[in-house]
Full PDB file with SEQRES, HELIX, SHEET, SSBOND, CRYST1, ORIGX, SCALE, CONECT and MASTER records, all heavy atoms in Angstrom:
SEQRES   1 A   40  ALA ALA LYS ASP ILE ASP GLY LEU ARG SER THR LEU SER          
SEQRES   2 A   40  ARG ASN LEU ARG PRO ALA SER LEU ASP THR THR LYS LEU          
SEQRES   3 A   40  ASP GLN CYS LEU GLU GLN LEU SER THR ALA HIS LYS PRO          
SEQRES   4 A   40  ARG                                                          
HELIX    1 AA1 ALA A    2  ASN A   15  1                                  14    
HELIX    2 AA2 THR A   23  ALA A   36  1                                  14    
CRYST1    1.000    1.000    1.000  90.00  90.00  90.00 P 1           1          
ORIGX1      1.000000  0.000000  0.000000        0.00000                         
ORIGX2      0.000000  1.000000  0.000000        0.00000                         
ORIGX3      0.000000  0.000000  1.000000        0.00000                         
SCALE1      1.000000  0.000000  0.000000        0.00000                         
SCALE2      0.000000  1.000000  0.000000        0.00000                         
SCALE3      0.000000  0.000000  1.000000        0.00000                         
ATOM      1  N   ALA A   1     -20.089  12.728  76.299  1.00  0.00           N  
ATOM      2  CA  ALA A   1     -20.569  11.737  75.324  1.00  0.00           C  
ATOM      3  C   ALA A   1     -19.394  11.074  74.613  1.00  0.00           C  
ATOM      4  O   ALA A   1     -19.402   9.857  74.390  1.00  0.00           O  
ATOM      5  CB  ALA A   1     -21.493  12.401  74.322  1.00  0.00           C  
ATOM      6  N   ALA A   2     -18.372  11.848  74.273  1.00  0.00           N  
ATOM      7  CA  ALA A   2     -17.182  11.275  73.616  1.00  0.00           C  
ATOM      8  C   ALA A   2     -16.480  10.296  74.554  1.00  0.00           C  
ATOM      9  O   ALA A   2     -16.023   9.228  74.126  1.00  0.00           O  
ATOM     10  CB  ALA A   2     -16.240  12.384  73.186  1.00  0.00           C  
ATOM     11  N   LYS A   3     -16.398  10.632  75.848  1.00  0.00           N  
ATOM     12  CA  LYS A   3     -15.778   9.717  76.821  1.00  0.00           C  
ATOM     13  C   LYS A   3     -16.591   8.437  76.957  1.00  0.00           C  
ATOM     14  O   LYS A   3     -16.031   7.336  77.043  1.00  0.00           O  
ATOM     15  CB  LYS A   3     -15.664  10.399  78.190  1.00  0.00           C  
ATOM     16  CG  LYS A   3     -14.589  11.453  78.277  1.00  0.00           C  
ATOM     17  CD  LYS A   3     -14.565  12.075  79.668  1.00  0.00           C  
ATOM     18  CE  LYS A   3     -13.625  13.241  79.737  1.00  0.00           C  
ATOM     19  NZ  LYS A   3     -13.648  13.917  81.040  1.00  0.00           N  
ATOM     20  N   ASP A   4     -17.907   8.577  76.987  1.00  0.00           N  
ATOM     21  CA  ASP A   4     -18.777   7.393  77.077  1.00  0.00           C  
ATOM     22  C   ASP A   4     -18.597   6.479  75.868  1.00  0.00           C  
ATOM     23  O   ASP A   4     -18.544   5.252  76.002  1.00  0.00           O  
ATOM     24  CB  ASP A   4     -20.236   7.807  77.209  1.00  0.00           C  
ATOM     25  CG  ASP A   4     -20.537   8.478  78.547  1.00  0.00           C  
ATOM     26  OD1 ASP A   4     -19.725   8.319  79.495  1.00  0.00           O  
ATOM     27  OD2 ASP A   4     -21.588   9.154  78.640  1.00  0.00           O  
ATOM     28  N   ILE A   5     -18.504   7.073  74.701  1.00  0.00           N  
ATOM     29  CA  ILE A   5     -18.314   6.278  73.480  1.00  0.00           C  
ATOM     30  C   ILE A   5     -16.979   5.553  73.526  1.00  0.00           C  
ATOM     31  O   ILE A   5     -16.892   4.362  73.185  1.00  0.00           O  
ATOM     32  CB  ILE A   5     -18.426   7.180  72.226  1.00  0.00           C  
ATOM     33  CG1 ILE A   5     -19.879   7.622  72.040  1.00  0.00           C  
ATOM     34  CG2 ILE A   5     -17.926   6.455  70.979  1.00  0.00           C  
ATOM     35  CD1 ILE A   5     -20.069   8.658  70.964  1.00  0.00           C  
ATOM     36  N   ASP A   6     -15.926   6.238  73.940  1.00  0.00           N  
ATOM     37  CA  ASP A   6     -14.606   5.586  74.051  1.00  0.00           C  
ATOM     38  C   ASP A   6     -14.638   4.450  75.062  1.00  0.00           C  
ATOM     39  O   ASP A   6     -14.047   3.394  74.839  1.00  0.00           O  
ATOM     40  CB  ASP A   6     -13.534   6.609  74.430  1.00  0.00           C  
ATOM     41  CG  ASP A   6     -13.200   7.551  73.290  1.00  0.00           C  
ATOM     42  OD1 ASP A   6     -13.445   7.169  72.116  1.00  0.00           O  
ATOM     43  OD2 ASP A   6     -12.704   8.667  73.565  1.00  0.00           O  
ATOM     44  N   GLY A   7     -15.333   4.650  76.180  1.00  0.00           N  
ATOM     45  CA  GLY A   7     -15.444   3.597  77.190  1.00  0.00           C  
ATOM     46  C   GLY A   7     -16.173   2.381  76.647  1.00  0.00           C  
ATOM     47  O   GLY A   7     -15.755   1.240  76.878  1.00  0.00           O  
ATOM     48  N   LEU A   8     -17.267   2.599  75.947  1.00  0.00           N  
ATOM     49  CA  LEU A   8     -18.000   1.486  75.341  1.00  0.00           C  
ATOM     50  C   LEU A   8     -17.156   0.761  74.301  1.00  0.00           C  
ATOM     51  O   LEU A   8     -17.163  -0.469  74.227  1.00  0.00           O  
ATOM     52  CB  LEU A   8     -19.292   1.991  74.704  1.00  0.00           C  
ATOM     53  CG  LEU A   8     -20.406   2.424  75.660  1.00  0.00           C  
ATOM     54  CD1 LEU A   8     -21.539   3.069  74.892  1.00  0.00           C  
ATOM     55  CD2 LEU A   8     -20.912   1.232  76.451  1.00  0.00           C  
ATOM     56  N   ARG A   9     -16.418   1.531  73.512  1.00  0.00           N  
ATOM     57  CA  ARG A   9     -15.575   0.929  72.485  1.00  0.00           C  
ATOM     58  C   ARG A   9     -14.512   0.033  73.114  1.00  0.00           C  
ATOM     59  O   ARG A   9     -14.259  -1.081  72.656  1.00  0.00           O  
ATOM     60  CB  ARG A   9     -14.927   2.019  71.636  1.00  0.00           C  
ATOM     61  CG  ARG A   9     -14.155   1.471  70.451  1.00  0.00           C  
ATOM     62  CD  ARG A   9     -13.525   2.561  69.613  1.00  0.00           C  
ATOM     63  NE  ARG A   9     -14.559   3.416  69.048  1.00  0.00           N  
ATOM     64  CZ  ARG A   9     -14.438   4.736  68.910  1.00  0.00           C  
ATOM     65  NH1 ARG A   9     -13.348   5.349  69.292  1.00  0.00           N  
ATOM     66  NH2 ARG A   9     -15.410   5.433  68.381  1.00  0.00           N  
ATOM     67  N   SER A  10     -13.887   0.502  74.179  1.00  0.00           N  
ATOM     68  CA  SER A  10     -12.838  -0.309  74.824  1.00  0.00           C  
ATOM     69  C   SER A  10     -13.445  -1.547  75.491  1.00  0.00           C  
ATOM     70  O   SER A  10     -12.849  -2.628  75.456  1.00  0.00           O  
ATOM     71  CB  SER A  10     -12.058   0.530  75.836  1.00  0.00           C  
ATOM     72  OG  SER A  10     -12.915   0.912  76.899  1.00  0.00           O  
ATOM     73  N   THR A  11     -14.627  -1.401  76.084  1.00  0.00           N  
ATOM     74  CA  THR A  11     -15.294  -2.560  76.701  1.00  0.00           C  
ATOM     75  C   THR A  11     -15.633  -3.609  75.655  1.00  0.00           C  
ATOM     76  O   THR A  11     -15.413  -4.810  75.867  1.00  0.00           O  
ATOM     77  CB  THR A  11     -16.575  -2.111  77.425  1.00  0.00           C  
ATOM     78  OG1 THR A  11     -16.253  -1.114  78.384  1.00  0.00           O  
ATOM     79  CG2 THR A  11     -17.251  -3.278  78.112  1.00  0.00           C  
ATOM     80  N   LEU A  12     -16.155  -3.179  74.544  1.00  0.00           N  
ATOM     81  CA  LEU A  12     -16.494  -4.114  73.476  1.00  0.00           C  
ATOM     82  C   LEU A  12     -15.256  -4.793  72.907  1.00  0.00           C  
ATOM     83  O   LEU A  12     -15.268  -5.989  72.628  1.00  0.00           O  
ATOM     84  CB  LEU A  12     -17.257  -3.404  72.357  1.00  0.00           C  
ATOM     85  CG  LEU A  12     -18.704  -3.027  72.653  1.00  0.00           C  
ATOM     86  CD1 LEU A  12     -19.279  -2.218  71.517  1.00  0.00           C  
ATOM     87  CD2 LEU A  12     -19.534  -4.267  72.902  1.00  0.00           C  
ATOM     88  N   SER A  13     -14.184  -4.059  72.746  1.00  0.00           N  
ATOM     89  CA  SER A  13     -12.988  -4.662  72.154  1.00  0.00           C  
ATOM     90  C   SER A  13     -12.342  -5.668  73.108  1.00  0.00           C  
ATOM     91  O   SER A  13     -11.714  -6.626  72.673  1.00  0.00           O  
ATOM     92  CB  SER A  13     -11.991  -3.572  71.753  1.00  0.00           C  
ATOM     93  OG  SER A  13     -11.518  -2.893  72.899  1.00  0.00           O  
ATOM     94  N   ARG A  14     -12.493  -5.480  74.408  1.00  0.00           N  
ATOM     95  CA  ARG A  14     -11.929  -6.439  75.366  1.00  0.00           C  
ATOM     96  C   ARG A  14     -12.733  -7.735  75.405  1.00  0.00           C  
ATOM     97  O   ARG A  14     -12.181  -8.803  75.640  1.00  0.00           O  
ATOM     98  CB  ARG A  14     -11.901  -5.829  76.777  1.00  0.00           C  
ATOM     99  CG  ARG A  14     -10.688  -4.941  77.018  1.00  0.00           C  
ATOM    100  CD  ARG A  14     -10.668  -4.441  78.435  1.00  0.00           C  
ATOM    101  NE  ARG A  14     -11.668  -3.344  78.461  1.00  0.00           N  
ATOM    102  CZ  ARG A  14     -12.387  -3.004  79.501  1.00  0.00           C  
ATOM    103  NH1 ARG A  14     -12.274  -3.625  80.615  1.00  0.00           N  
ATOM    104  NH2 ARG A  14     -13.243  -2.020  79.439  1.00  0.00           N  
ATOM    105  N   ASN A  15     -14.047  -7.657  75.186  1.00  0.00           N  
ATOM    106  CA  ASN A  15     -14.905  -8.830  75.326  1.00  0.00           C  
ATOM    107  C   ASN A  15     -14.988  -9.678  74.056  1.00  0.00           C  
ATOM    108  O   ASN A  15     -15.567 -10.752  74.088  1.00  0.00           O  
ATOM    109  CB  ASN A  15     -16.321  -8.407  75.721  1.00  0.00           C  
ATOM    110  CG  ASN A  15     -16.365  -7.896  77.151  1.00  0.00           C  
ATOM    111  OD1 ASN A  15     -15.492  -8.229  77.951  1.00  0.00           O  
ATOM    112  ND2 ASN A  15     -17.350  -7.081  77.459  1.00  0.00           N  
ATOM    113  N   LEU A  16     -14.414  -9.213  72.972  1.00  0.00           N  
ATOM    114  CA  LEU A  16     -14.464  -9.982  71.731  1.00  0.00           C  
ATOM    115  C   LEU A  16     -13.363 -11.037  71.726  1.00  0.00           C  
ATOM    116  O   LEU A  16     -12.212 -10.757  72.030  1.00  0.00           O  
ATOM    117  CB  LEU A  16     -14.301  -9.066  70.518  1.00  0.00           C  
ATOM    118  CG  LEU A  16     -15.442  -8.092  70.277  1.00  0.00           C  
ATOM    119  CD1 LEU A  16     -15.133  -7.225  69.076  1.00  0.00           C  
ATOM    120  CD2 LEU A  16     -16.731  -8.834  70.034  1.00  0.00           C  
ATOM    121  N   ARG A  17     -13.730 -12.243  71.353  1.00  0.00           N  
ATOM    122  CA  ARG A  17     -12.755 -13.326  71.227  1.00  0.00           C  
ATOM    123  C   ARG A  17     -12.741 -13.772  69.778  1.00  0.00           C  
ATOM    124  O   ARG A  17     -13.786 -13.837  69.132  1.00  0.00           O  
ATOM    125  CB  ARG A  17     -13.156 -14.496  72.122  1.00  0.00           C  
ATOM    126  CG  ARG A  17     -13.091 -14.137  73.581  1.00  0.00           C  
ATOM    127  CD  ARG A  17     -13.270 -15.363  74.437  1.00  0.00           C  
ATOM    128  NE  ARG A  17     -13.156 -14.984  75.826  1.00  0.00           N  
ATOM    129  CZ  ARG A  17     -14.065 -15.214  76.739  1.00  0.00           C  
ATOM    130  NH1 ARG A  17     -15.160 -15.852  76.420  1.00  0.00           N  
ATOM    131  NH2 ARG A  17     -13.886 -14.830  77.977  1.00  0.00           N  
ATOM    132  N   PRO A  18     -11.584 -14.119  69.271  1.00  0.00           N  
ATOM    133  CA  PRO A  18     -11.548 -14.570  67.883  1.00  0.00           C  
ATOM    134  C   PRO A  18     -12.273 -15.916  67.742  1.00  0.00           C  
ATOM    135  O   PRO A  18     -12.176 -16.773  68.604  1.00  0.00           O  
ATOM    136  CB  PRO A  18     -10.053 -14.702  67.576  1.00  0.00           C  
ATOM    137  CG  PRO A  18      -9.391 -14.820  68.903  1.00  0.00           C  
ATOM    138  CD  PRO A  18     -10.263 -14.090  69.890  1.00  0.00           C  
ATOM    139  N   ALA A  19     -12.977 -16.049  66.659  1.00  0.00           N  
ATOM    140  CA  ALA A  19     -13.699 -17.296  66.412  1.00  0.00           C  
ATOM    141  C   ALA A  19     -12.732 -18.356  65.899  1.00  0.00           C  
ATOM    142  O   ALA A  19     -11.851 -18.083  65.100  1.00  0.00           O  
ATOM    143  CB  ALA A  19     -14.801 -17.049  65.381  1.00  0.00           C  
ATOM    144  N   SER A  20     -12.881 -19.570  66.418  1.00  0.00           N  
ATOM    145  CA  SER A  20     -12.019 -20.662  65.959  1.00  0.00           C  
ATOM    146  C   SER A  20     -12.905 -21.818  65.523  1.00  0.00           C  
ATOM    147  O   SER A  20     -13.948 -22.081  66.111  1.00  0.00           O  
ATOM    148  CB  SER A  20     -11.074 -21.107  67.079  1.00  0.00           C  
ATOM    149  OG  SER A  20     -11.812 -21.574  68.179  1.00  0.00           O  
ATOM    150  N   LEU A  21     -12.488 -22.511  64.471  1.00  0.00           N  
ATOM    151  CA  LEU A  21     -13.239 -23.638  63.947  1.00  0.00           C  
ATOM    152  C   LEU A  21     -12.487 -24.924  64.264  1.00  0.00           C  
ATOM    153  O   LEU A  21     -11.261 -24.992  64.116  1.00  0.00           O  
ATOM    154  CB  LEU A  21     -13.406 -23.513  62.434  1.00  0.00           C  
ATOM    155  CG  LEU A  21     -14.262 -22.347  61.958  1.00  0.00           C  
ATOM    156  CD1 LEU A  21     -14.248 -22.290  60.437  1.00  0.00           C  
ATOM    157  CD2 LEU A  21     -15.679 -22.483  62.451  1.00  0.00           C  
ATOM    158  N   ASP A  22     -13.222 -25.914  64.680  1.00  0.00           N  
ATOM    159  CA  ASP A  22     -12.649 -27.231  64.921  1.00  0.00           C  
ATOM    160  C   ASP A  22     -12.575 -27.937  63.572  1.00  0.00           C  
ATOM    161  O   ASP A  22     -13.610 -28.241  62.964  1.00  0.00           O  
ATOM    162  CB  ASP A  22     -13.524 -28.003  65.916  1.00  0.00           C  
ATOM    163  CG  ASP A  22     -12.892 -29.307  66.324  1.00  0.00           C  
ATOM    164  OD1 ASP A  22     -11.725 -29.555  65.952  1.00  0.00           O  
ATOM    165  OD2 ASP A  22     -13.574 -30.090  67.016  1.00  0.00           O  
ATOM    166  N   THR A  23     -11.380 -28.201  63.086  1.00  0.00           N  
ATOM    167  CA  THR A  23     -11.217 -28.767  61.746  1.00  0.00           C  
ATOM    168  C   THR A  23     -11.786 -30.180  61.654  1.00  0.00           C  
ATOM    169  O   THR A  23     -12.288 -30.566  60.603  1.00  0.00           O  
ATOM    170  CB  THR A  23      -9.736 -28.776  61.337  1.00  0.00           C  
ATOM    171  OG1 THR A  23      -8.988 -29.482  62.317  1.00  0.00           O  
ATOM    172  CG2 THR A  23      -9.208 -27.367  61.214  1.00  0.00           C  
ATOM    173  N   THR A  24     -11.720 -30.957  62.743  1.00  0.00           N  
ATOM    174  CA  THR A  24     -12.261 -32.320  62.669  1.00  0.00           C  
ATOM    175  C   THR A  24     -13.783 -32.285  62.497  1.00  0.00           C  
ATOM    176  O   THR A  24     -14.334 -33.041  61.700  1.00  0.00           O  
ATOM    177  CB  THR A  24     -11.898 -33.120  63.928  1.00  0.00           C  
ATOM    178  OG1 THR A  24     -12.398 -32.432  65.078  1.00  0.00           O  
ATOM    179  CG2 THR A  24     -10.392 -33.296  64.046  1.00  0.00           C  
ATOM    180  N   LYS A  25     -14.455 -31.382  63.213  1.00  0.00           N  
ATOM    181  CA  LYS A  25     -15.908 -31.267  63.074  1.00  0.00           C  
ATOM    182  C   LYS A  25     -16.270 -30.747  61.686  1.00  0.00           C  
ATOM    183  O   LYS A  25     -17.259 -31.183  61.099  1.00  0.00           O  
ATOM    184  CB  LYS A  25     -16.487 -30.364  64.154  1.00  0.00           C  
ATOM    185  CG  LYS A  25     -16.472 -30.998  65.521  1.00  0.00           C  
ATOM    186  CD  LYS A  25     -17.196 -30.168  66.526  1.00  0.00           C  
ATOM    187  CE  LYS A  25     -17.148 -30.878  67.895  1.00  0.00           C  
ATOM    188  NZ  LYS A  25     -17.902 -30.154  68.887  1.00  0.00           N  
ATOM    189  N   LEU A  26     -15.467 -29.842  61.177  1.00  0.00           N  
ATOM    190  CA  LEU A  26     -15.708 -29.325  59.841  1.00  0.00           C  
ATOM    191  C   LEU A  26     -15.565 -30.438  58.795  1.00  0.00           C  
ATOM    192  O   LEU A  26     -16.391 -30.561  57.882  1.00  0.00           O  
ATOM    193  CB  LEU A  26     -14.741 -28.179  59.534  1.00  0.00           C  
ATOM    194  CG  LEU A  26     -14.912 -27.476  58.200  1.00  0.00           C  
ATOM    195  CD1 LEU A  26     -16.279 -26.838  58.093  1.00  0.00           C  
ATOM    196  CD2 LEU A  26     -13.823 -26.453  58.009  1.00  0.00           C  
ATOM    197  N   ASP A  27     -14.546 -31.280  58.933  1.00  0.00           N  
ATOM    198  CA  ASP A  27     -14.356 -32.406  58.008  1.00  0.00           C  
ATOM    199  C   ASP A  27     -15.510 -33.397  58.107  1.00  0.00           C  
ATOM    200  O   ASP A  27     -15.985 -33.918  57.091  1.00  0.00           O  
ATOM    201  CB  ASP A  27     -13.022 -33.117  58.293  1.00  0.00           C  
ATOM    202  CG  ASP A  27     -11.825 -32.254  57.906  1.00  0.00           C  
ATOM    203  OD1 ASP A  27     -12.002 -31.353  57.051  1.00  0.00           O  
ATOM    204  OD2 ASP A  27     -10.727 -32.480  58.454  1.00  0.00           O  
ATOM    205  N   GLN A  28     -15.974 -33.679  59.345  1.00  0.00           N  
ATOM    206  CA  GLN A  28     -17.112 -34.589  59.519  1.00  0.00           C  
ATOM    207  C   GLN A  28     -18.367 -34.034  58.842  1.00  0.00           C  
ATOM    208  O   GLN A  28     -19.108 -34.772  58.193  1.00  0.00           O  
ATOM    209  CB  GLN A  28     -17.393 -34.817  61.010  1.00  0.00           C  
ATOM    210  CG  GLN A  28     -16.378 -35.684  61.717  1.00  0.00           C  
ATOM    211  CD  GLN A  28     -16.668 -35.757  63.217  1.00  0.00           C  
ATOM    212  OE1 GLN A  28     -17.546 -35.073  63.715  1.00  0.00           O  
ATOM    213  NE2 GLN A  28     -15.892 -36.591  63.910  1.00  0.00           N  
ATOM    214  N   CYS A  29     -18.579 -32.757  58.981  1.00  0.00           N  
ATOM    215  CA  CYS A  29     -19.748 -32.122  58.376  1.00  0.00           C  
ATOM    216  C   CYS A  29     -19.675 -32.226  56.851  1.00  0.00           C  
ATOM    217  O   CYS A  29     -20.663 -32.553  56.191  1.00  0.00           O  
ATOM    218  CB  CYS A  29     -19.825 -30.664  58.815  1.00  0.00           C  
ATOM    219  SG  CYS A  29     -21.234 -29.787  58.128  1.00  0.00           S  
ATOM    220  N   LEU A  30     -18.516 -31.948  56.285  1.00  0.00           N  
ATOM    221  CA  LEU A  30     -18.360 -32.048  54.834  1.00  0.00           C  
ATOM    222  C   LEU A  30     -18.560 -33.480  54.353  1.00  0.00           C  
ATOM    223  O   LEU A  30     -19.168 -33.715  53.302  1.00  0.00           O  
ATOM    224  CB  LEU A  30     -16.976 -31.537  54.420  1.00  0.00           C  
ATOM    225  CG  LEU A  30     -16.768 -30.025  54.528  1.00  0.00           C  
ATOM    226  CD1 LEU A  30     -15.321 -29.665  54.232  1.00  0.00           C  
ATOM    227  CD2 LEU A  30     -17.697 -29.295  53.584  1.00  0.00           C  
ATOM    228  N   GLU A  31     -18.080 -34.445  55.119  1.00  0.00           N  
ATOM    229  CA  GLU A  31     -18.246 -35.850  54.747  1.00  0.00           C  
ATOM    230  C   GLU A  31     -19.726 -36.240  54.772  1.00  0.00           C  
ATOM    231  O   GLU A  31     -20.223 -36.919  53.875  1.00  0.00           O  
ATOM    232  CB  GLU A  31     -17.447 -36.743  55.705  1.00  0.00           C  
ATOM    233  CG  GLU A  31     -17.523 -38.219  55.377  1.00  0.00           C  
ATOM    234  CD  GLU A  31     -16.737 -39.055  56.388  1.00  0.00           C  
ATOM    235  OE1 GLU A  31     -15.701 -38.594  56.866  1.00  0.00           O  
ATOM    236  OE2 GLU A  31     -17.217 -40.158  56.680  1.00  0.00           O  
ATOM    237  N   GLN A  32     -20.444 -35.805  55.806  1.00  0.00           N  
ATOM    238  CA  GLN A  32     -21.865 -36.110  55.885  1.00  0.00           C  
ATOM    239  C   GLN A  32     -22.635 -35.457  54.730  1.00  0.00           C  
ATOM    240  O   GLN A  32     -23.563 -36.059  54.185  1.00  0.00           O  
ATOM    241  CB  GLN A  32     -22.438 -35.641  57.221  1.00  0.00           C  
ATOM    242  CG  GLN A  32     -22.033 -36.512  58.383  1.00  0.00           C  
ATOM    243  CD  GLN A  32     -22.595 -35.976  59.699  1.00  0.00           C  
ATOM    244  OE1 GLN A  32     -23.250 -34.940  59.720  1.00  0.00           O  
ATOM    245  NE2 GLN A  32     -22.337 -36.691  60.778  1.00  0.00           N  
ATOM    246  N   LEU A  33     -22.245 -34.260  54.368  1.00  0.00           N  
ATOM    247  CA  LEU A  33     -22.916 -33.607  53.255  1.00  0.00           C  
ATOM    248  C   LEU A  33     -22.696 -34.364  51.951  1.00  0.00           C  
ATOM    249  O   LEU A  33     -23.607 -34.502  51.138  1.00  0.00           O  
ATOM    250  CB  LEU A  33     -22.411 -32.170  53.092  1.00  0.00           C  
ATOM    251  CG  LEU A  33     -23.007 -31.137  54.027  1.00  0.00           C  
ATOM    252  CD1 LEU A  33     -22.333 -29.792  53.825  1.00  0.00           C  
ATOM    253  CD2 LEU A  33     -24.499 -31.000  53.796  1.00  0.00           C  
ATOM    254  N   SER A  34     -21.489 -34.878  51.758  1.00  0.00           N  
ATOM    255  CA  SER A  34     -21.209 -35.565  50.501  1.00  0.00           C  
ATOM    256  C   SER A  34     -21.800 -36.972  50.454  1.00  0.00           C  
ATOM    257  O   SER A  34     -22.162 -37.456  49.386  1.00  0.00           O  
ATOM    258  CB  SER A  34     -19.702 -35.620  50.255  1.00  0.00           C  
ATOM    259  OG  SER A  34     -19.081 -36.382  51.270  1.00  0.00           O  
ATOM    260  N   THR A  35     -21.947 -37.658  51.601  1.00  0.00           N  
ATOM    261  CA  THR A  35     -22.448 -39.037  51.578  1.00  0.00           C  
ATOM    262  C   THR A  35     -23.926 -39.145  51.926  1.00  0.00           C  
ATOM    263  O   THR A  35     -24.649 -39.909  51.297  1.00  0.00           O  
ATOM    264  CB  THR A  35     -21.643 -39.917  52.559  1.00  0.00           C  
ATOM    265  OG1 THR A  35     -21.763 -39.368  53.863  1.00  0.00           O  
ATOM    266  CG2 THR A  35     -20.186 -40.001  52.140  1.00  0.00           C  
ATOM    267  N   ALA A  36     -24.380 -38.411  52.910  1.00  0.00           N  
ATOM    268  CA  ALA A  36     -25.754 -38.578  53.392  1.00  0.00           C  
ATOM    269  C   ALA A  36     -26.760 -37.733  52.617  1.00  0.00           C  
ATOM    270  O   ALA A  36     -27.953 -37.965  52.700  1.00  0.00           O  
ATOM    271  CB  ALA A  36     -25.832 -38.222  54.878  1.00  0.00           C  
ATOM    272  N   HIS A  37     -26.291 -36.779  51.865  1.00  0.00           N  
ATOM    273  CA  HIS A  37     -27.222 -35.911  51.133  1.00  0.00           C  
ATOM    274  C   HIS A  37     -27.730 -36.643  49.902  1.00  0.00           C  
ATOM    275  O   HIS A  37     -26.981 -37.054  49.039  1.00  0.00           O  
ATOM    276  CB  HIS A  37     -26.510 -34.617  50.721  1.00  0.00           C  
ATOM    277  CG  HIS A  37     -27.402 -33.681  49.997  1.00  0.00           C  
ATOM    278  ND1 HIS A  37     -28.410 -32.981  50.609  1.00  0.00           N  
ATOM    279  CD2 HIS A  37     -27.451 -33.333  48.690  1.00  0.00           C  
ATOM    280  CE1 HIS A  37     -29.035 -32.252  49.721  1.00  0.00           C  
ATOM    281  NE2 HIS A  37     -28.471 -32.440  48.548  1.00  0.00           N  
ATOM    282  N   LYS A  38     -29.033 -36.808  49.834  1.00  0.00           N  
ATOM    283  CA  LYS A  38     -29.657 -37.491  48.703  1.00  0.00           C  
ATOM    284  C   LYS A  38     -30.558 -36.507  47.969  1.00  0.00           C  
ATOM    285  O   LYS A  38     -31.151 -35.626  48.583  1.00  0.00           O  
ATOM    286  CB  LYS A  38     -30.480 -38.677  49.200  1.00  0.00           C  
ATOM    287  CG  LYS A  38     -29.617 -39.724  49.873  1.00  0.00           C  
ATOM    288  CD  LYS A  38     -30.450 -40.853  50.417  1.00  0.00           C  
ATOM    289  CE  LYS A  38     -29.525 -41.844  51.115  1.00  0.00           C  
ATOM    290  NZ  LYS A  38     -30.200 -42.724  51.999  1.00  0.00           N  
ATOM    291  N   PRO A  39     -30.648 -36.660  46.667  1.00  0.00           N  
ATOM    292  CA  PRO A  39     -31.533 -35.749  45.926  1.00  0.00           C  
ATOM    293  C   PRO A  39     -32.975 -35.903  46.393  1.00  0.00           C  
ATOM    294  O   PRO A  39     -33.412 -36.983  46.750  1.00  0.00           O  
ATOM    295  CB  PRO A  39     -31.379 -36.172  44.464  1.00  0.00           C  
ATOM    296  CG  PRO A  39     -30.419 -37.301  44.445  1.00  0.00           C  
ATOM    297  CD  PRO A  39     -29.974 -37.603  45.829  1.00  0.00           C  
ATOM    298  N   ARG A  40     -33.665 -34.836  46.366  1.00  0.00           N  
ATOM    299  CA  ARG A  40     -35.046 -34.860  46.836  1.00  0.00           C  
ATOM    300  C   ARG A  40     -35.953 -35.379  45.738  1.00  0.00           C  
ATOM    301  O   ARG A  40     -35.882 -34.948  44.589  1.00  0.00           O  
ATOM    302  CB  ARG A  40     -35.462 -33.455  47.246  1.00  0.00           C  
ATOM    303  CG  ARG A  40     -34.649 -32.977  48.416  1.00  0.00           C  
ATOM    304  CD  ARG A  40     -35.153 -31.647  48.901  1.00  0.00           C  
ATOM    305  NE  ARG A  40     -34.403 -31.301  50.070  1.00  0.00           N  
ATOM    306  CZ  ARG A  40     -33.736 -30.174  50.214  1.00  0.00           C  
ATOM    307  NH1 ARG A  40     -33.731 -29.291  49.266  1.00  0.00           N  
ATOM    308  NH2 ARG A  40     -33.080 -29.928  51.316  1.00  0.00           N  
TER     309      ARG A  40                                                      
MASTER        0    0    0    2    0    0    0    6  308    1    0    4          
END                                                                             
């Protein structure tokens, strides 16, 4: 069971990729929120 857990842990750590944000899309989203958002 300990070997199985270690194997799963290593498999999971290999398949994880760091998340990256596209700054241009983030800026566009913030701009739309500030201009297109109207009070309800």
